[in-house]
Each structure stands twice: as structure tokens, then as C-alpha cells.
């Protein structure tokens, strides 16, 4: 295949559909939790938001300094 193909041209139809669906569902839990934050804790929507965002933020912040120390196999097993 050519190097300058678009994503839709480079993937087969099932791969493209799966790519789109996984992209849509990627943040579903995040969106649901934030949308019902008032029901979870009536006075503290920020607490629910921080509980959603903080773990990911910390991993993005400190991960590059130690990810290379963990083998790819171990990272795949952890997921």
C-alpha cells in the first residue's frame, strides 16, 4: 500500500469500524461518571472529577521516567 493513504483507505472495513467504535467507547466510563457526579456526591462534583482524572494524570506525568524499566510482556499482562 502507498505511504500517504488515509486511515479509511489503509484499513479494511471491519478494522475501520472497530477503530471508530473503540474510539467512541474509549471515554464512556469517564463521561458517565462525570455526568452523574451530582448523584454520587451531591456537594462535591470536583471530587468525582478528580477521582476520574488524577490517576491518569499521574501516570502520564511520571510514567515516562520508569516505563522503560518494565518489560512489554509485563505491561501487556497488567492491562
C-alpha atoms as a PDB file:
ATOM      1  CA  UNK A   1       0.000   0.000   0.000  1.00  0.00           C
ATOM      2  CA  UNK A   2       1.041   3.594  -0.518  1.00  0.00           C
ATOM      3  CA  UNK A   3       2.525   5.538   2.368  1.00  0.00           C
ATOM      4  CA  UNK A   4       0.210   8.526   2.043  1.00  0.00           C
ATOM      5  CA  UNK A   5      -3.118   6.682   2.392  1.00  0.00           C
ATOM      6  CA  UNK A   6      -5.754   7.982   4.763  1.00  0.00           C
ATOM      7  CA  UNK A   7      -6.801   5.823   7.694  1.00  0.00           C
ATOM      8  CA  UNK A   8     -10.037   4.802   5.978  1.00  0.00           C
ATOM      9  CA  UNK A   9      -8.120   3.723   2.865  1.00  0.00           C
ATOM     10  CA  UNK A  10      -5.398   1.856   4.762  1.00  0.00           C
ATOM     11  CA  UNK A  11      -7.748  -0.290   6.874  1.00  0.00           C
ATOM     12  CA  UNK A  12     -10.294  -2.867   5.794  1.00  0.00           C
ATOM     13  CA  UNK A  13     -13.934  -2.060   6.501  1.00  0.00           C
ATOM     14  CA  UNK A  14     -14.175  -4.207   9.697  1.00  0.00           C
ATOM     15  CA  UNK A  15     -10.904  -2.738  11.009  1.00  0.00           C
ATOM     16  CA  UNK A  16     -12.102   0.782  10.304  1.00  0.00           C
ATOM     17  CA  UNK A  17     -15.464   0.174  12.017  1.00  0.00           C
ATOM     18  CA  UNK A  18     -13.707  -1.358  15.041  1.00  0.00           C
ATOM     19  CA  UNK A  19     -11.323   1.608  15.182  1.00  0.00           C
ATOM     20  CA  UNK A  20     -14.231   4.072  15.184  1.00  0.00           C
ATOM     21  CA  UNK A  21     -16.254   2.128  17.777  1.00  0.00           C
ATOM     22  CA  UNK A  22     -13.310   1.721  20.141  1.00  0.00           C
ATOM     23  CA  UNK A  23     -12.609   5.427  19.819  1.00  0.00           C
ATOM     24  CA  UNK A  24     -16.214   6.239  20.721  1.00  0.00           C
ATOM     25  CA  UNK A  25     -16.281   3.874  23.701  1.00  0.00           C
ATOM     26  CA  UNK A  26     -12.817   4.859  24.913  1.00  0.00           C
ATOM     27  CA  UNK A  27     -14.038   7.528  27.315  1.00  0.00           C
ATOM     28  CA  UNK A  28     -17.535   6.185  28.024  1.00  0.00           C
ATOM     29  CA  UNK A  29     -16.924   5.467  31.722  1.00  0.00           C
ATOM     30  CA  UNK A  30     -15.289   8.873  32.188  1.00  0.00           C
ATOM     31  CA  UNK A  31     -18.259  10.664  30.614  1.00  0.00           C
ATOM     32  CA  UNK A  32     -20.842   8.614  32.521  1.00  0.00           C
ATOM     33  CA  UNK A  33     -19.128   9.143  35.872  1.00  0.00           C
ATOM     34  CA  UNK A  34     -18.831  12.882  35.327  1.00  0.00           C
ATOM     35  CA  UNK A  35     -22.420  13.212  34.148  1.00  0.00           C
ATOM     36  CA  UNK A  36     -23.792  11.520  37.275  1.00  0.00           C
ATOM     37  CA  UNK A  37     -21.338  13.167  39.659  1.00  0.00           C
ATOM     38  CA  UNK A  38     -24.107  15.098  41.423  1.00  0.00           C
ATOM     39  CA  UNK A  39     -25.892  11.832  42.209  1.00  0.00           C
ATOM     40  CA  UNK A  40     -22.708  10.238  43.560  1.00  0.00           C
ATOM     41  CA  UNK A  41     -21.772  13.077  45.893  1.00  0.00           C
ATOM     42  CA  UNK A  42     -24.294  15.878  45.988  1.00  0.00           C
ATOM     43  CA  UNK A  43     -21.952  18.623  47.161  1.00  0.00           C
ATOM     44  CA  UNK A  44     -18.693  17.592  45.561  1.00  0.00           C
ATOM     45  CA  UNK A  45     -18.667  17.202  41.796  1.00  0.00           C
ATOM     46  CA  UNK A  46     -14.989  18.184  41.793  1.00  0.00           C
ATOM     47  CA  UNK A  47     -14.159  15.157  43.971  1.00  0.00           C
ATOM     48  CA  UNK A  48     -15.631  12.753  41.406  1.00  0.00           C
ATOM     49  CA  UNK A  49     -13.872  14.581  38.590  1.00  0.00           C
ATOM     50  CA  UNK A  50     -10.514  14.369  40.381  1.00  0.00           C
ATOM     51  CA  UNK A  51     -11.063  10.668  41.112  1.00  0.00           C
ATOM     52  CA  UNK A  52     -11.545  10.164  37.370  1.00  0.00           C
ATOM     53  CA  UNK A  53      -8.695  12.336  36.148  1.00  0.00           C
ATOM     54  CA  UNK A  54      -5.980  12.142  38.792  1.00  0.00           C
ATOM     55  CA  UNK A  55      -4.767   8.531  38.276  1.00  0.00           C
ATOM     56  CA  UNK A  56      -4.375   9.021  34.532  1.00  0.00           C
ATOM     57  CA  UNK A  57      -2.719  12.396  35.001  1.00  0.00           C
ATOM     58  CA  UNK A  58      -0.208  10.952  37.455  1.00  0.00           C
ATOM     59  CA  UNK A  59       0.654   8.072  35.116  1.00  0.00           C
ATOM     60  CA  UNK A  60       1.174  10.475  32.221  1.00  0.00           C
ATOM     61  CA  UNK A  61       3.293  12.680  34.436  1.00  0.00           C
ATOM     62  CA  UNK A  62       5.615  10.069  35.972  1.00  0.00           C
ATOM     63  CA  UNK A  63       5.291   7.159  33.535  1.00  0.00           C
ATOM     64  CA  UNK A  64       7.930   8.241  31.024  1.00  0.00           C
ATOM     65  CA  UNK A  65      10.563   8.077  33.768  1.00  0.00           C
ATOM     66  CA  UNK A  66      10.041   4.394  34.600  1.00  0.00           C
ATOM     67  CA  UNK A  67       8.039   2.676  31.813  1.00  0.00           C
ATOM     68  CA  UNK A  68      11.277   1.511  30.188  1.00  0.00           C
ATOM     69  CA  UNK A  69      12.098  -0.459  33.347  1.00  0.00           C
ATOM     70  CA  UNK A  70       9.033  -2.703  32.928  1.00  0.00           C
ATOM     71  CA  UNK A  71       9.095  -5.263  30.118  1.00  0.00           C
ATOM     72  CA  UNK A  72       6.482  -5.103  27.385  1.00  0.00           C
ATOM     73  CA  UNK A  73       5.230  -8.549  28.363  1.00  0.00           C
ATOM     74  CA  UNK A  74       4.624  -7.423  31.938  1.00  0.00           C
ATOM     75  CA  UNK A  75       2.815  -4.258  30.762  1.00  0.00           C
ATOM     76  CA  UNK A  76       0.575  -6.341  28.482  1.00  0.00           C
ATOM     77  CA  UNK A  77      -0.263  -8.696  31.362  1.00  0.00           C
ATOM     78  CA  UNK A  78      -1.121  -5.746  33.603  1.00  0.00           C
ATOM     79  CA  UNK A  79      -3.644  -4.426  31.138  1.00  0.00           C
END
